[in-house]
Protein backbone atom coordinates (compact mmCIF):
# COMPACT_ATOMS: atom_id res chain seq x y z
CA MET A 1 -58.46 15.87 49.87
CA ARG A 2 -57.40 12.72 48.17
CA ARG A 3 -56.80 14.69 44.98
CA MET A 4 -54.27 16.78 46.90
CA GLU A 5 -52.56 13.68 48.32
CA LEU A 6 -51.70 12.20 44.88
CA PRO A 7 -49.20 14.90 43.86
CA SER A 8 -47.66 14.69 47.29
CA ALA A 9 -47.18 10.93 46.86
CA ILE A 10 -45.60 11.48 43.47
CA ARG A 11 -43.21 14.05 44.92
CA ILE A 12 -42.25 11.61 47.63
CA LEU A 13 -41.57 8.90 45.07
CA GLN A 14 -39.52 11.33 43.00
CA GLU A 15 -37.45 12.34 46.00
CA GLN A 16 -36.86 8.71 46.91
CA ALA A 17 -35.85 7.92 43.35
CA GLU A 18 -33.42 10.85 43.26
CA ARG A 19 -31.83 9.76 46.54
CA TYR A 20 -31.50 6.21 45.20
CA ASN A 21 -29.91 7.52 42.01
CA ARG A 22 -27.46 9.67 43.93
CA LEU A 23 -26.48 6.75 46.13
CA HIS A 24 -26.21 4.14 43.42
CA ARG A 25 -25.30 6.12 40.30
CA ALA A 26 -21.56 5.82 40.92
CA ALA A 27 -21.84 2.10 41.55
CA CYS A 28 -23.90 1.63 38.40
CA LEU A 29 -21.39 3.57 36.32
CA ASP A 30 -18.57 1.52 37.76
CA MET A 31 -20.49 -1.62 36.89
CA TYR A 32 -21.07 -0.51 33.28
CA GLU A 33 -17.45 0.52 32.90
CA GLN A 34 -16.34 -2.86 34.21
CA MET A 35 -18.70 -4.62 31.82
CA GLU A 36 -17.32 -2.52 28.97
CA LYS A 37 -13.77 -3.50 29.87
CA THR A 38 -14.79 -7.14 30.12
CA TRP A 39 -16.61 -7.19 26.80
CA ALA A 40 -14.10 -5.07 24.87
CA PRO A 41 -11.54 -7.86 24.26
CA LEU A 42 -14.33 -10.24 23.22
CA ARG A 43 -15.80 -7.66 20.85
CA HIS A 44 -12.32 -6.97 19.46
CA HIS A 45 -11.81 -10.73 19.05
CA LEU A 46 -15.10 -11.09 17.17
CA GLU A 47 -14.25 -8.14 14.92
CA LEU A 48 -10.88 -9.65 14.11
CA MET A 49 -12.43 -13.06 13.47
CA GLU A 50 -14.92 -11.45 11.10
CA ARG A 51 -12.08 -9.73 9.25
CA ILE A 52 -10.26 -13.03 8.96
CA LYS A 53 -13.36 -14.70 7.51
CA ILE A 54 -13.83 -11.89 5.00
CA ASP A 55 -10.18 -11.76 3.98
CA ASN A 56 -9.81 -15.54 3.97
CA ALA A 57 -12.03 -16.18 0.95
CA ALA A 58 -9.79 -17.75 -1.72
CA PHE A 59 -6.93 -16.36 0.32
CA ARG A 60 -5.08 -14.12 -2.11
CA ALA A 61 -5.12 -16.87 -4.74
CA HIS A 62 -6.53 -14.21 -7.07
CA GLU A 63 -3.20 -12.36 -7.16
CA ILE A 64 -1.43 -15.58 -8.11
CA ALA A 65 -3.99 -16.29 -10.84
CA VAL A 66 -3.55 -12.77 -12.24
CA SER A 67 0.21 -13.22 -12.16
CA HIS A 68 -0.13 -16.50 -14.02
CA GLN A 69 -2.18 -14.88 -16.78
CA ARG A 70 0.38 -12.09 -17.10
CA LEU A 71 3.10 -14.69 -17.43
CA VAL A 72 1.15 -16.45 -20.20
CA ASP A 73 0.77 -13.12 -22.01
CA MET A 74 4.47 -12.38 -21.64
CA ALA A 75 5.41 -15.83 -22.95
CA GLN A 76 3.20 -15.22 -25.98
CA LYS A 77 4.88 -11.88 -26.62
CA ALA A 78 8.29 -13.51 -26.24
CA ARG A 79 7.37 -16.06 -28.90
CA GLU A 80 6.18 -13.24 -31.17
CA ASN A 81 9.46 -11.40 -30.66
CA PHE A 82 11.37 -14.47 -31.77
CA GLN A 83 9.07 -15.23 -34.69
CA TRP A 84 10.98 -13.07 -37.11
CA VAL A 85 14.02 -15.34 -36.64
CA GLU A 86 11.93 -18.23 -37.91
CA ASP A 87 10.67 -16.14 -40.85
CA ILE A 88 14.14 -15.50 -42.29
CA ARG A 89 14.79 -19.15 -43.06
CA ASN A 90 13.59 -18.57 -46.61
CA ALA A 91 15.86 -15.57 -47.09
CA HIS A 92 18.83 -15.61 -49.44
CA SER A 93 21.89 -17.36 -48.06
CA SER A 94 23.90 -14.11 -48.11
CA TRP A 95 21.48 -12.52 -45.64
CA ILE A 96 21.52 -15.58 -43.43
CA GLU A 97 25.33 -15.60 -43.27
CA ASN A 98 25.38 -11.90 -42.29
CA ILE A 99 22.98 -12.33 -39.38
CA ARG A 100 23.98 -15.83 -38.27
CA PRO A 101 25.82 -14.66 -35.09
CA LEU A 102 22.77 -12.67 -34.01
CA GLN A 103 20.44 -15.51 -34.95
CA ASP A 104 22.46 -17.98 -32.89
CA SER A 105 22.42 -15.64 -29.89
CA LEU A 106 18.67 -15.10 -30.11
CA MET A 107 17.95 -18.80 -30.42
CA SER A 108 20.14 -19.49 -27.38
CA LEU A 109 18.29 -16.81 -25.43
CA ARG A 110 14.97 -18.31 -26.44
CA ALA A 111 16.16 -21.77 -25.40
CA SER A 112 16.91 -20.30 -21.95
CA ILE A 113 13.78 -18.18 -21.52
CA GLU A 114 11.05 -20.60 -22.53
CA PRO A 115 11.92 -23.31 -19.96
CA SER A 116 12.09 -20.62 -17.26
CA LEU A 117 8.61 -19.34 -18.14
CA THR A 118 7.28 -22.90 -18.19
CA GLU A 119 8.84 -23.58 -14.79
CA ILE A 120 7.32 -20.42 -13.29
CA SER A 121 3.94 -21.36 -14.71
CA ARG A 122 4.08 -24.74 -12.97
CA TYR A 123 4.89 -23.07 -9.65
CA PHE A 124 2.01 -20.64 -10.28
CA ILE A 125 -0.59 -23.38 -10.70
CA ALA A 126 0.54 -25.25 -7.58
CA SER A 127 0.76 -22.03 -5.53
CA GLU A 128 -2.73 -20.92 -6.50
CA ARG A 129 -4.11 -24.26 -5.31
CA LEU A 130 -2.15 -24.06 -2.04
CA PHE A 131 -3.16 -20.52 -1.13
CA ALA A 132 -6.81 -21.11 -2.03
CA GLY A 133 -6.87 -23.94 0.54
CA ILE A 134 -5.38 -21.99 3.45
CA ASP A 135 -7.90 -21.26 6.22
CA PHE A 136 -6.50 -18.89 8.83
CA SER A 137 -9.74 -18.74 10.80
CA ALA A 138 -9.49 -22.52 11.29
CA ILE A 139 -5.87 -22.13 12.39
CA SER A 140 -6.91 -19.54 14.98
CA GLN A 141 -9.76 -21.63 16.34
CA VAL A 142 -8.05 -25.03 16.43
CA TYR A 143 -4.79 -23.88 17.97
CA THR A 144 -6.26 -21.13 20.21
CA LEU A 145 -3.62 -18.65 19.12
CA PRO A 146 -4.12 -14.91 19.67
CA VAL A 147 -6.35 -13.68 16.86
CA SER A 148 -4.26 -10.52 16.45
CA PHE A 149 -1.17 -12.65 15.81
CA VAL A 150 -3.00 -14.88 13.32
CA LEU A 151 -4.36 -11.80 11.54
CA ARG A 152 -0.87 -10.28 11.35
CA THR A 153 0.44 -13.49 9.81
CA GLN A 154 -2.44 -13.64 7.34
CA ASN A 155 -1.84 -10.03 6.31
CA ALA A 156 1.86 -10.76 5.82
CA PHE A 157 1.08 -13.56 3.38
CA ALA A 158 -1.56 -11.45 1.66
CA ASN A 159 1.05 -8.71 1.19
CA LEU A 160 3.48 -11.31 -0.13
CA THR A 161 1.12 -12.47 -2.87
CA GLN A 162 0.22 -8.88 -3.72
CA SER A 163 3.88 -7.91 -4.02
CA TYR A 164 4.45 -10.94 -6.24
CA GLU A 165 1.58 -9.92 -8.52
CA LYS A 166 3.11 -6.42 -8.75
CA LEU A 167 6.54 -7.88 -9.53
CA VAL A 168 5.18 -9.98 -12.38
CA GLY A 169 3.02 -7.06 -13.54
CA SER A 170 6.07 -4.80 -13.72
CA ILE A 171 7.63 -7.05 -16.39
CA LYS A 172 5.51 -6.69 -19.50
CA THR A 173 8.00 -7.31 -22.29
CA LEU A 174 10.96 -9.55 -23.05
CA PRO A 175 13.48 -6.68 -22.76
CA GLU A 176 12.14 -5.89 -19.27
CA LEU A 177 12.49 -9.55 -18.30
CA ILE A 178 16.10 -9.89 -19.39
CA GLU A 179 17.10 -6.66 -17.62
CA LEU A 180 16.74 -8.59 -14.36
CA PRO A 181 19.05 -11.42 -13.27
CA SER A 182 17.97 -14.68 -14.91
CA TYR A 183 16.99 -16.23 -11.56
CA ALA A 184 15.01 -13.23 -10.23
CA LEU A 185 11.53 -14.11 -11.51
CA PRO A 186 11.80 -17.94 -11.50
CA SER A 187 13.14 -17.90 -7.93
CA ALA A 188 10.37 -15.53 -6.86
CA GLY A 189 7.87 -18.09 -8.19
CA ARG A 190 9.62 -20.75 -6.15
CA GLU A 191 9.46 -18.56 -3.05
CA ILE A 192 5.70 -18.11 -3.41
CA PHE A 193 5.24 -21.85 -3.76
CA VAL A 194 7.42 -22.68 -0.73
CA ALA A 195 5.61 -20.03 1.37
CA GLY A 196 2.24 -21.54 0.46
CA TYR A 197 3.54 -25.04 1.10
CA ALA A 198 4.87 -24.07 4.54
CA ILE A 199 1.75 -22.26 5.76
CA LYS A 200 -0.50 -25.03 4.39
CA ARG A 201 1.40 -27.52 6.54
CA ILE A 202 0.35 -25.48 9.58
CA CYS A 203 -3.35 -25.66 8.67
CA PRO A 204 -5.45 -28.14 10.70
CA LEU A 205 -5.14 -31.57 9.14
CA THR A 206 -7.97 -32.66 6.88
CA ILE A 207 -8.57 -35.93 5.08
CA GLU A 208 -7.61 -35.44 1.46
CA THR A 209 -7.30 -37.79 -1.46
CA GLU A 210 -4.12 -37.72 -3.47
CA ASP A 211 -4.85 -36.28 -6.89
CA GLU A 212 -2.83 -34.80 -9.71
CA GLY A 213 -2.35 -31.58 -7.71
CA ASP A 214 -0.82 -33.45 -4.77
CA LEU A 215 1.54 -35.31 -7.07
CA ASP A 216 2.63 -32.06 -8.72
CA GLU A 217 3.16 -30.50 -5.30
CA SER A 218 5.40 -33.40 -4.26
CA PHE A 219 7.36 -33.07 -7.49
CA LEU A 220 7.90 -29.33 -6.94
CA VAL A 221 8.98 -29.89 -3.33
CA THR A 222 11.61 -32.39 -4.51
CA LYS A 223 12.66 -30.02 -7.29
CA THR A 224 12.97 -27.14 -4.82
CA GLU A 225 15.08 -29.24 -2.45
CA GLN A 226 17.49 -29.88 -5.31
CA GLU A 227 17.57 -26.20 -6.38
CA VAL A 228 18.34 -24.89 -2.89
CA SER A 229 20.71 -27.65 -1.80
CA GLY A 230 23.65 -25.26 -2.26
CA SER A 231 22.38 -22.73 0.30
CA LEU A 232 25.01 -23.76 2.86
CA GLU A 233 27.86 -23.16 0.41
CA LEU A 234 26.41 -19.75 -0.56
CA LEU A 235 26.19 -18.86 3.12
CA ARG A 236 29.75 -20.03 3.77
CA ARG A 237 31.09 -17.76 1.03
CA VAL A 238 29.32 -14.71 2.44
CA SER A 239 29.63 -15.28 6.16
CA PRO A 240 31.42 -18.33 7.59
CA ALA A 241 30.34 -17.20 11.07
CA LEU A 242 26.68 -17.74 10.19
CA VAL A 243 27.26 -21.33 9.14
CA LYS A 244 27.12 -22.26 12.84
CA PRO A 245 23.46 -21.29 13.50
CA TYR A 246 22.46 -22.77 10.15
CA LEU A 247 24.09 -26.10 10.99
CA GLY A 248 22.64 -25.82 14.50
CA ALA A 249 19.12 -25.74 13.04
CA ARG A 250 19.91 -28.59 10.67
CA GLU A 251 21.47 -30.78 13.35
CA ALA A 252 18.55 -30.14 15.71
CA PHE A 253 16.12 -31.11 12.94
CA ASN A 254 17.94 -34.39 12.32
CA SER A 255 18.24 -35.22 16.03
CA ASP A 256 15.81 -36.89 18.42
CA ASN A 257 16.46 -34.27 21.12
CA ALA A 258 13.33 -33.67 23.20
CA ASP A 259 13.91 -29.90 22.96
CA ARG A 260 14.88 -29.83 19.30
CA GLU A 261 12.08 -27.46 18.23
CA ARG A 262 13.38 -24.69 20.49
CA HIS A 263 16.92 -25.21 19.16
CA ILE A 264 15.67 -25.00 15.56
CA PHE A 265 13.71 -21.77 16.06
CA THR A 266 16.44 -20.12 18.12
CA SER A 267 19.04 -20.93 15.46
CA LEU A 268 16.84 -19.72 12.59
CA ARG A 269 16.04 -16.42 14.32
CA GLU A 270 19.75 -15.85 14.95
CA LEU A 271 20.50 -16.70 11.34
CA TRP A 272 18.12 -14.26 9.61
CA ASN A 273 18.72 -11.50 12.14
CA HIS A 274 22.51 -11.55 11.80
CA LEU A 275 22.49 -12.29 8.07
CA LEU A 276 20.68 -9.07 7.15
CA ARG A 277 23.15 -7.10 9.26
CA GLN A 278 26.04 -8.92 7.61
CA LEU A 279 24.77 -8.26 4.08
CA ALA A 280 23.80 -4.66 4.86
CA PRO A 281 25.96 -3.24 7.69
CA ASP A 282 24.65 -0.20 9.58
CA GLU A 283 27.31 2.25 8.39
CA LYS A 284 27.04 1.30 4.72
CA VAL A 285 23.24 1.45 4.71
CA ILE A 286 23.20 4.84 6.48
CA ASN A 287 25.74 6.30 4.04
CA TRP A 288 23.80 4.92 1.06
CA ARG A 289 20.34 5.91 2.35
CA PRO A 290 18.66 8.80 0.50
CA LYS A 291 18.78 11.75 2.86
CA ASP A 292 15.05 12.45 2.56
CA LYS A 293 14.09 8.90 3.58
CA SER A 294 13.95 9.20 7.35
CA GLU A 295 11.61 6.18 7.57
CA TYR A 296 14.57 3.97 6.69
CA LEU A 297 15.93 4.50 10.19
CA CYS A 298 14.55 3.50 13.57
CA LYS A 299 16.37 4.75 16.66
CA GLY A 300 19.37 5.53 14.48
CA LYS A 301 19.56 2.00 13.03
CA PRO A 302 18.55 0.94 9.51
CA THR A 303 15.19 -0.78 9.26
CA ARG A 304 14.78 -4.22 7.72
CA LYS A 305 13.35 -2.63 4.58
CA ALA A 306 16.34 -0.27 4.32
CA ARG A 307 18.76 -3.20 4.54
CA ILE A 308 16.92 -5.10 1.80
CA LEU A 309 16.82 -2.03 -0.44
CA TYR A 310 20.55 -1.70 0.08
CA ILE A 311 21.09 -5.36 -0.86
CA CYS A 312 19.08 -4.79 -4.07
CA ARG A 313 20.49 -1.33 -4.79
CA ASP A 314 22.28 -2.12 -8.07
CA ILE A 315 19.39 -4.08 -9.54
CA ASN A 316 17.27 -0.96 -9.14
CA HIS A 317 13.87 -2.58 -9.60
CA ALA A 318 11.51 -1.45 -6.83
CA PRO A 319 8.92 -4.26 -7.23
CA LEU A 320 11.68 -6.84 -6.79
CA SER A 321 12.97 -5.15 -3.62
CA ASP A 322 9.41 -4.93 -2.30
CA PHE A 323 8.82 -8.61 -2.97
CA ILE A 324 12.03 -9.63 -1.18
CA ASP A 325 11.01 -7.47 1.79
CA HIS A 326 7.60 -9.16 2.09
CA ASP A 327 9.18 -12.55 1.47
CA THR A 328 11.52 -11.93 4.40
CA ILE A 329 8.61 -10.85 6.64
CA SER A 330 6.67 -14.01 5.81
CA PHE A 331 9.77 -16.12 6.55
CA ILE A 332 10.23 -14.44 9.94
CA LEU A 333 6.56 -14.93 10.84
CA LEU A 334 6.69 -18.60 9.90
CA ILE A 335 9.48 -19.07 12.43
CA GLU A 336 7.52 -17.10 15.02
CA PHE A 337 4.31 -19.01 14.21
CA LEU A 338 5.81 -22.44 14.85
CA ASN A 339 7.65 -21.09 17.87
CA ARG A 340 4.24 -20.16 19.34
CA PHE A 341 3.22 -23.78 18.80
CA HIS A 342 6.28 -24.88 20.75
CA GLU A 343 5.58 -22.45 23.61
CA LEU A 344 1.97 -23.66 23.86
CA GLU A 345 3.21 -27.27 23.82
CA ILE A 346 1.33 -27.98 20.60
CA LYS A 347 2.83 -30.98 18.85
CA ILE A 348 4.86 -29.89 15.82
CA SER A 349 4.89 -32.46 13.05
CA GLU A 350 7.85 -33.59 10.98
CA GLU A 351 6.16 -32.11 7.90
CA GLN A 352 5.92 -28.70 9.55
CA LEU A 353 9.57 -28.73 10.59
CA LYS A 354 10.59 -29.94 7.14
CA ALA A 355 8.61 -27.09 5.56
CA ILE A 356 10.31 -24.42 7.68
CA ILE A 357 13.76 -25.85 6.85
CA LEU A 358 12.87 -25.88 3.15
CA LYS A 359 11.66 -22.28 3.36
CA THR A 360 14.90 -21.33 5.10
CA ASP A 361 17.05 -22.87 2.36
CA SER A 362 14.94 -21.29 -0.38
CA TRP A 363 15.02 -17.81 1.21
CA LEU A 364 18.77 -18.06 1.80
CA THR A 365 19.40 -19.09 -1.80
CA TYR A 366 17.31 -16.23 -3.14
CA ILE A 367 18.65 -13.38 -1.03
CA LEU A 368 22.28 -14.57 -1.24
CA ASN A 369 22.11 -14.76 -5.04
CA ILE A 370 20.72 -11.22 -5.10
CA TYR A 371 23.56 -10.13 -2.79
CA ARG A 372 26.23 -11.75 -4.98
CA GLU A 373 24.75 -9.93 -7.98
CA VAL A 374 25.50 -6.48 -6.54
CA GLU A 375 28.78 -7.13 -4.74
């Protein structure tokens, strides 16, 4: 009899379990779904943080190092190209007289090129050191900024260094170098340095000893300030109307206004936004745009990339246009980055504000010189 009762007890337990499942299954599913929703942002955050850690190793300094080596190789080739001029010194005087005009021109060109290559090399070395020391994961953790925003900024600077490496890599010989405006490559080197300098100022402060690298960095900052000191005059020639927001940012920087950060960022956003439209008006860009390039338009308006391609249209060197595009993106994100600091009431240092003003002047000088080249 007891043997018959055991299966009956099991059936009863099964029935009770099924009733419990039917009653509580929906609640359990709701609970798991709620847990999934709760954990999803954290899991996404951890995934993004892991990507930042992986990507952050020697943050794109490799591209700058590769670019530096390519520059060294190009300088060597340039010297080899000029070597034959040195070799003719022992030639008969009649030959020398016949080629003297050409010889003088080549020596003048060499006198111009070699200092430029040396200058770029100095920017390279300082930039590599700056980018290798940038830690975006530390920025995200210390300032509690959205990881997605930090990752977007990191990717923008990674793309900037990659586009710079491609620009330098596209110029393999002296003839290819002198096909571009004389300031194109040296100024691109300056832009990389100023970008690294600006984002490094945002990194959490660490105790560092002043070494030769720091002294060289200070020298290049001073040198850059001198090179871009004419940005206001360049802007005035192109668009007197945009002098106002530029001066607004400058005056706010030099003031002791309690709300000066907001005034600076508002003025700088207005400046870059209106400047691109001034240099590349909608109608002109649309008429110039290749008909099969629909991605150059968004809601019937030219994209930022389309405007920059239009500005660079007569130079006709795609790696240069690509670099200027990524340089502009990094400039915009720097403004947005420090603006986030302001919104979160994070104290913004004088060095950080100075860096964003320097980056503004450098970017203006670069893009306005490119614009003047094609107009």
